[in-house]
N, C-alpha and C. Protein backbone atom coordinates (compact mmCIF):
# COMPACT_ATOMS: atom_id res chain seq x y z
N MET A 1 -75.86 32.20 254.49
CA MET A 1 -76.58 31.78 255.65
C MET A 1 -76.33 32.70 256.84
N ALA A 2 -75.09 33.07 257.08
CA ALA A 2 -74.74 33.97 258.20
C ALA A 2 -75.48 35.28 257.99
N GLY A 3 -75.52 35.81 256.76
CA GLY A 3 -76.16 37.11 256.56
C GLY A 3 -77.60 37.05 256.94
N ALA A 4 -78.34 35.93 256.56
CA ALA A 4 -79.72 35.84 256.99
C ALA A 4 -79.87 35.83 258.47
N MET A 5 -79.04 35.11 259.18
CA MET A 5 -79.13 35.02 260.67
C MET A 5 -78.80 36.43 261.26
N ILE A 6 -77.88 37.11 260.72
CA ILE A 6 -77.54 38.41 261.22
C ILE A 6 -78.75 39.39 261.10
N LYS A 7 -79.41 39.29 260.00
CA LYS A 7 -80.63 40.12 259.80
C LYS A 7 -81.65 39.79 260.76
N LEU A 8 -81.86 38.49 260.99
CA LEU A 8 -82.87 38.11 261.98
C LEU A 8 -82.50 38.61 263.37
N LYS A 9 -81.20 38.47 263.74
CA LYS A 9 -80.72 38.94 265.00
C LYS A 9 -80.94 40.43 265.15
N GLU A 10 -80.67 41.15 264.15
CA GLU A 10 -80.78 42.67 264.09
C GLU A 10 -82.26 43.07 264.24
N SER A 11 -83.21 42.18 263.72
CA SER A 11 -84.59 42.53 263.89
C SER A 11 -85.23 42.26 265.25
N GLY A 12 -84.37 41.68 266.16
CA GLY A 12 -84.70 41.47 267.50
C GLY A 12 -85.11 40.02 267.76
N ALA A 13 -85.04 39.18 266.75
CA ALA A 13 -85.39 37.73 266.89
C ALA A 13 -84.36 37.07 267.74
N SER A 14 -84.80 36.01 268.49
CA SER A 14 -83.89 35.18 269.20
C SER A 14 -83.56 33.96 268.37
N ILE A 15 -82.31 33.53 268.33
CA ILE A 15 -81.91 32.38 267.47
C ILE A 15 -81.20 31.44 268.40
N LEU A 16 -81.54 30.16 268.27
CA LEU A 16 -80.78 29.08 268.92
C LEU A 16 -80.03 28.35 267.79
N LEU A 17 -78.71 28.50 267.80
CA LEU A 17 -77.86 28.02 266.75
C LEU A 17 -77.03 26.84 267.34
N VAL A 18 -77.14 25.73 266.73
CA VAL A 18 -76.35 24.56 267.13
C VAL A 18 -75.38 24.42 265.98
N GLU A 19 -74.06 24.78 266.21
CA GLU A 19 -73.16 24.84 265.11
C GLU A 19 -71.80 24.38 265.51
N GLN A 20 -71.08 23.74 264.55
CA GLN A 20 -69.75 23.34 264.75
C GLN A 20 -68.79 24.30 264.04
N ASN A 21 -69.30 25.11 263.18
CA ASN A 21 -68.54 26.09 262.44
C ASN A 21 -68.22 27.24 263.33
N LEU A 22 -66.98 27.31 263.89
CA LEU A 22 -66.57 28.34 264.80
C LEU A 22 -66.76 29.75 264.28
N HIS A 23 -66.42 29.95 263.00
CA HIS A 23 -66.49 31.29 262.45
C HIS A 23 -67.89 31.81 262.42
N LEU A 24 -68.85 30.92 261.98
CA LEU A 24 -70.26 31.26 261.90
C LEU A 24 -70.78 31.59 263.36
N ALA A 25 -70.46 30.70 264.30
CA ALA A 25 -70.89 30.91 265.66
C ALA A 25 -70.35 32.18 266.21
N ARG A 26 -69.16 32.53 265.91
CA ARG A 26 -68.56 33.81 266.43
C ARG A 26 -69.23 35.03 265.75
N GLU A 27 -69.59 34.89 264.52
CA GLU A 27 -70.24 36.01 263.83
C GLU A 27 -71.64 36.28 264.32
N VAL A 28 -72.34 35.23 264.69
CA VAL A 28 -73.82 35.33 264.95
C VAL A 28 -74.07 35.34 266.48
N GLY A 29 -73.32 34.63 267.27
CA GLY A 29 -73.63 34.39 268.64
C GLY A 29 -73.35 35.56 269.62
N ASP A 30 -74.26 35.82 270.55
CA ASP A 30 -74.08 36.65 271.64
C ASP A 30 -73.58 35.88 272.84
N ASP A 31 -74.08 34.69 273.05
CA ASP A 31 -73.71 33.77 274.13
C ASP A 31 -73.32 32.43 273.56
N VAL A 32 -72.50 31.70 274.39
CA VAL A 32 -72.07 30.43 273.81
C VAL A 32 -72.17 29.38 275.00
N ALA A 33 -72.63 28.21 274.60
CA ALA A 33 -72.59 27.06 275.49
C ALA A 33 -71.81 25.95 274.77
N VAL A 34 -70.81 25.45 275.50
CA VAL A 34 -69.94 24.39 274.96
C VAL A 34 -70.45 23.04 275.57
N ILE A 35 -70.66 22.06 274.72
CA ILE A 35 -71.14 20.70 275.25
C ILE A 35 -70.04 19.77 274.88
N ASP A 36 -69.68 18.91 275.90
CA ASP A 36 -68.73 17.87 275.70
C ASP A 36 -69.27 16.60 276.33
N SER A 37 -69.36 15.55 275.49
CA SER A 37 -69.91 14.26 275.88
C SER A 37 -71.29 14.39 276.45
N GLY A 38 -72.07 15.23 275.81
CA GLY A 38 -73.50 15.41 276.28
C GLY A 38 -73.71 16.29 277.48
N LYS A 39 -72.64 16.92 278.01
CA LYS A 39 -72.83 17.81 279.14
C LYS A 39 -72.32 19.19 278.87
N ILE A 40 -73.08 20.18 279.32
CA ILE A 40 -72.67 21.57 279.20
C ILE A 40 -71.45 21.85 280.02
N VAL A 41 -70.41 22.24 279.48
CA VAL A 41 -69.16 22.41 280.28
C VAL A 41 -68.80 23.98 280.41
N ARG A 42 -69.47 24.82 279.63
CA ARG A 42 -69.16 26.26 279.70
C ARG A 42 -70.34 27.00 279.08
N VAL A 43 -70.66 28.03 279.77
CA VAL A 43 -71.77 28.99 279.31
C VAL A 43 -71.29 30.40 279.53
N GLY A 44 -71.43 31.26 278.64
CA GLY A 44 -71.07 32.66 278.82
C GLY A 44 -71.10 33.48 277.66
N PRO A 45 -70.73 34.78 277.77
CA PRO A 45 -70.70 35.64 276.60
C PRO A 45 -69.70 35.16 275.51
N ALA A 46 -70.20 35.17 274.26
CA ALA A 46 -69.41 34.71 273.16
C ALA A 46 -68.13 35.49 273.01
N LYS A 47 -68.30 36.82 273.09
CA LYS A 47 -67.07 37.70 272.95
C LYS A 47 -65.98 37.32 273.93
N GLU A 48 -66.34 37.14 275.15
CA GLU A 48 -65.36 36.72 276.19
C GLU A 48 -64.75 35.38 275.83
N TYR A 49 -65.56 34.45 275.49
CA TYR A 49 -65.14 33.07 275.10
C TYR A 49 -64.12 33.04 274.05
N PHE A 50 -64.53 33.70 272.93
CA PHE A 50 -63.63 33.72 271.74
C PHE A 50 -62.36 34.50 271.89
N GLU A 51 -62.25 35.38 272.82
CA GLU A 51 -61.06 36.14 273.10
C GLU A 51 -60.05 35.38 273.98
N ARG A 52 -60.53 34.27 274.60
CA ARG A 52 -59.63 33.52 275.51
C ARG A 52 -59.05 32.30 274.88
N GLU A 53 -57.72 32.47 274.53
CA GLU A 53 -57.03 31.34 273.84
C GLU A 53 -57.03 30.11 274.72
N ASP A 54 -56.94 30.22 275.99
CA ASP A 54 -56.90 29.11 276.90
C ASP A 54 -58.14 28.25 276.76
N LEU A 55 -59.32 28.92 276.62
CA LEU A 55 -60.51 28.16 276.50
C LEU A 55 -60.63 27.54 275.07
N LEU A 56 -60.29 28.27 274.02
CA LEU A 56 -60.38 27.73 272.65
C LEU A 56 -59.51 26.50 272.57
N LYS A 57 -58.28 26.58 273.17
CA LYS A 57 -57.36 25.43 273.08
C LYS A 57 -57.90 24.23 273.89
N SER A 58 -58.34 24.48 275.11
CA SER A 58 -58.66 23.39 275.99
C SER A 58 -60.02 22.74 275.69
N GLN A 59 -61.01 23.57 275.18
CA GLN A 59 -62.30 23.05 274.92
C GLN A 59 -62.64 22.76 273.44
N LEU A 60 -61.94 23.50 272.56
CA LEU A 60 -62.21 23.24 271.13
C LEU A 60 -60.91 22.76 270.34
N GLY A 61 -59.84 22.62 271.01
CA GLY A 61 -58.60 22.18 270.33
C GLY A 61 -57.96 23.20 269.45
N PHE A 62 -58.28 24.49 269.59
CA PHE A 62 -57.65 25.50 268.86
C PHE A 62 -56.53 26.21 269.61
N ALA A 63 -55.53 26.62 268.94
CA ALA A 63 -54.47 27.36 269.62
C ALA A 63 -54.64 28.85 269.31
């Protein structure tokens, strides 16, 4: 599935991915929006988000 989405992305297509699989989101996403209790709590570049351990821990429960 990730391979197909990456090919679509490379072709210039825009993709809205709603995903709980962090690894897939990291592989495919350019930007990230984190939703908690129905409210958007963070929006920004995926690369920046996934490099910040403080955000991963506080918003997703990862260390």
